[in-house]
Amino acid sequence: MATLRERKTYRDQVLRVLYKAVEGNRLLGITGAQLRRDLHVPEQDLAAACTYLAGEGLITVDWEPGNTPAMVTLTLEGIRRMEAEEEMAATGPA
């Protein structure tokens, strides 16, 4: 079982990899298999991260049998969050 710090890291990584892969286009998504390959995250931890982020309204997930993400996409709210983080990183602290 992942620690709290690991779970938060997995969630952030899922959002970042997804945002980079789809270039902010909410019509595009990536497969759960691609996420697992890119992140090197255990399958159950990836499923937990996706479940959490979907519950927060940041991503949508199409599930395969066995609680495995088949396709993951950013929601409009997820794109807004990632764009805000990108802007903060570009401008630095106020």
C-alpha atoms as a PDB file:
ATOM      1  CA  MET A   1       0.000   0.000   0.000  1.00  0.00           C
ATOM      2  CA  ALA A   2       1.339   3.403  -0.995  1.00  0.00           C
ATOM      3  CA  THR A   3       2.056   6.078   1.601  1.00  0.00           C
ATOM      4  CA  LEU A   4       0.169   9.376   1.585  1.00  0.00           C
ATOM      5  CA  ARG A   5       3.149  11.105  -0.022  1.00  0.00           C
ATOM      6  CA  GLU A   6       3.337   8.428  -2.747  1.00  0.00           C
ATOM      7  CA  ARG A   7      -0.403   8.664  -3.425  1.00  0.00           C
ATOM      8  CA  LYS A   8      -0.188  12.442  -3.838  1.00  0.00           C
ATOM      9  CA  THR A   9       2.851  12.044  -6.096  1.00  0.00           C
ATOM     10  CA  TYR A  10       1.040   9.472  -8.255  1.00  0.00           C
ATOM     11  CA  ARG A  11      -1.943  11.816  -8.641  1.00  0.00           C
ATOM     12  CA  ASP A  12       0.264  14.739  -9.652  1.00  0.00           C
ATOM     13  CA  GLN A  13       2.185  12.539 -12.093  1.00  0.00           C
ATOM     14  CA  VAL A  14      -1.014  11.268 -13.720  1.00  0.00           C
ATOM     15  CA  LEU A  15      -2.205  14.841 -14.291  1.00  0.00           C
ATOM     16  CA  ARG A  16       1.156  16.038 -15.632  1.00  0.00           C
ATOM     17  CA  VAL A  17       1.681  13.103 -18.003  1.00  0.00           C
ATOM     18  CA  LEU A  18      -1.897  13.329 -19.240  1.00  0.00           C
ATOM     19  CA  TYR A  19      -1.718  17.104 -19.758  1.00  0.00           C
ATOM     20  CA  LYS A  20       1.562  16.818 -21.643  1.00  0.00           C
ATOM     21  CA  ALA A  21       0.312  13.945 -23.794  1.00  0.00           C
ATOM     22  CA  VAL A  22      -2.923  15.615 -24.865  1.00  0.00           C
ATOM     23  CA  GLU A  23      -1.522  19.161 -25.046  1.00  0.00           C
ATOM     24  CA  GLY A  24      -4.549  20.584 -23.258  1.00  0.00           C
ATOM     25  CA  ASN A  25      -7.086  19.053 -25.657  1.00  0.00           C
ATOM     26  CA  ARG A  26      -9.913  17.506 -23.676  1.00  0.00           C
ATOM     27  CA  LEU A  27     -11.027  15.474 -26.694  1.00  0.00           C
ATOM     28  CA  LEU A  28      -7.837  13.433 -26.533  1.00  0.00           C
ATOM     29  CA  GLY A  29      -6.845  10.866 -23.943  1.00  0.00           C
ATOM     30  CA  ILE A  30      -4.265   8.223 -23.254  1.00  0.00           C
ATOM     31  CA  THR A  31      -4.604   4.597 -22.367  1.00  0.00           C
ATOM     32  CA  GLY A  32      -4.092   3.238 -18.890  1.00  0.00           C
ATOM     33  CA  ALA A  33      -1.353   1.019 -20.329  1.00  0.00           C
ATOM     34  CA  GLN A  34       0.512   4.093 -21.580  1.00  0.00           C
ATOM     35  CA  LEU A  35       0.142   5.767 -18.180  1.00  0.00           C
ATOM     36  CA  ARG A  36       1.553   2.678 -16.453  1.00  0.00           C
ATOM     37  CA  ARG A  37       4.499   2.600 -18.866  1.00  0.00           C
ATOM     38  CA  ASP A  38       5.222   6.314 -18.521  1.00  0.00           C
ATOM     39  CA  LEU A  39       4.873   6.448 -14.737  1.00  0.00           C
ATOM     40  CA  HIS A  40       6.105   3.011 -13.628  1.00  0.00           C
ATOM     41  CA  VAL A  41       3.291   2.982 -11.052  1.00  0.00           C
ATOM     42  CA  PRO A  42       1.857  -0.248  -9.642  1.00  0.00           C
ATOM     43  CA  GLU A  43      -1.489  -1.057 -11.244  1.00  0.00           C
ATOM     44  CA  GLN A  44      -3.505  -0.765  -8.021  1.00  0.00           C
ATOM     45  CA  ASP A  45      -1.925   2.610  -7.226  1.00  0.00           C
ATOM     46  CA  LEU A  46      -2.661   3.894 -10.730  1.00  0.00           C
ATOM     47  CA  ALA A  47      -6.282   2.787 -10.339  1.00  0.00           C
ATOM     48  CA  ALA A  48      -6.484   4.529  -6.956  1.00  0.00           C
ATOM     49  CA  ALA A  49      -4.985   7.739  -8.362  1.00  0.00           C
ATOM     50  CA  CYS A  50      -7.398   7.710 -11.299  1.00  0.00           C
ATOM     51  CA  THR A  51     -10.373   7.037  -9.024  1.00  0.00           C
ATOM     52  CA  TYR A  52      -9.390   9.967  -6.793  1.00  0.00           C
ATOM     53  CA  LEU A  53      -8.827  12.379  -9.699  1.00  0.00           C
ATOM     54  CA  ALA A  54     -12.098  11.346 -11.337  1.00  0.00           C
ATOM     55  CA  GLY A  55     -13.876  11.966  -8.032  1.00  0.00           C
ATOM     56  CA  GLU A  56     -12.366  15.456  -7.956  1.00  0.00           C
ATOM     57  CA  GLY A  57     -13.703  16.088 -11.465  1.00  0.00           C
ATOM     58  CA  LEU A  58     -10.221  16.496 -12.989  1.00  0.00           C
ATOM     59  CA  ILE A  59     -10.241  13.446 -15.277  1.00  0.00           C
ATOM     60  CA  THR A  60     -12.656  10.944 -16.758  1.00  0.00           C
ATOM     61  CA  VAL A  61     -11.832   7.267 -16.876  1.00  0.00           C
ATOM     62  CA  ASP A  62     -13.179   4.424 -18.979  1.00  0.00           C
ATOM     63  CA  TRP A  63     -12.553   1.258 -16.950  1.00  0.00           C
ATOM     64  CA  GLU A  64     -11.635  -2.226 -18.081  1.00  0.00           C
ATOM     65  CA  PRO A  65     -12.676  -5.245 -16.023  1.00  0.00           C
ATOM     66  CA  GLY A  66     -10.532  -5.622 -12.929  1.00  0.00           C
ATOM     67  CA  ASN A  67     -10.520  -1.916 -12.022  1.00  0.00           C
ATOM     68  CA  THR A  68      -7.951  -1.072 -14.714  1.00  0.00           C
ATOM     69  CA  PRO A  69      -8.080   2.280 -16.520  1.00  0.00           C
ATOM     70  CA  ALA A  70      -8.653   1.704 -20.235  1.00  0.00           C
ATOM     71  CA  MET A  71      -8.718   5.348 -21.386  1.00  0.00           C
ATOM     72  CA  VAL A  72      -8.084   8.498 -19.353  1.00  0.00           C
ATOM     73  CA  THR A  73      -8.942  12.052 -20.402  1.00  0.00           C
ATOM     74  CA  LEU A  74      -8.681  15.447 -18.756  1.00  0.00           C
ATOM     75  CA  THR A  75     -11.875  17.324 -17.980  1.00  0.00           C
ATOM     76  CA  LEU A  76     -12.193  21.051 -18.564  1.00  0.00           C
ATOM     77  CA  GLU A  77     -11.508  21.539 -14.845  1.00  0.00           C
ATOM     78  CA  GLY A  78      -8.393  19.386 -15.104  1.00  0.00           C
ATOM     79  CA  ILE A  79      -7.123  21.443 -18.032  1.00  0.00           C
ATOM     80  CA  ARG A  80      -7.783  24.674 -16.127  1.00  0.00           C
ATOM     81  CA  ARG A  81      -5.877  23.394 -13.118  1.00  0.00           C
ATOM     82  CA  MET A  82      -2.879  22.350 -15.199  1.00  0.00           C
ATOM     83  CA  GLU A  83      -2.880  25.635 -17.138  1.00  0.00           C
ATOM     84  CA  ALA A  84      -2.959  27.579 -13.866  1.00  0.00           C
ATOM     85  CA  GLU A  85       0.024  25.575 -12.601  1.00  0.00           C
ATOM     86  CA  GLU A  86       1.839  26.164 -15.880  1.00  0.00           C
ATOM     87  CA  GLU A  87       1.206  29.921 -15.641  1.00  0.00           C
ATOM     88  CA  MET A  88       2.390  30.016 -12.021  1.00  0.00           C
ATOM     89  CA  ALA A  89       5.600  28.196 -12.970  1.00  0.00           C
ATOM     90  CA  ALA A  90       6.200  30.605 -15.862  1.00  0.00           C
ATOM     91  CA  THR A  91       5.618  33.798 -13.881  1.00  0.00           C
ATOM     92  CA  GLY A  92       6.968  32.674 -10.535  1.00  0.00           C
ATOM     93  CA  PRO A  93       5.596  33.711  -7.147  1.00  0.00           C
ATOM     94  CA  ALA A  94       3.916  37.105  -6.934  1.00  0.00           C
END
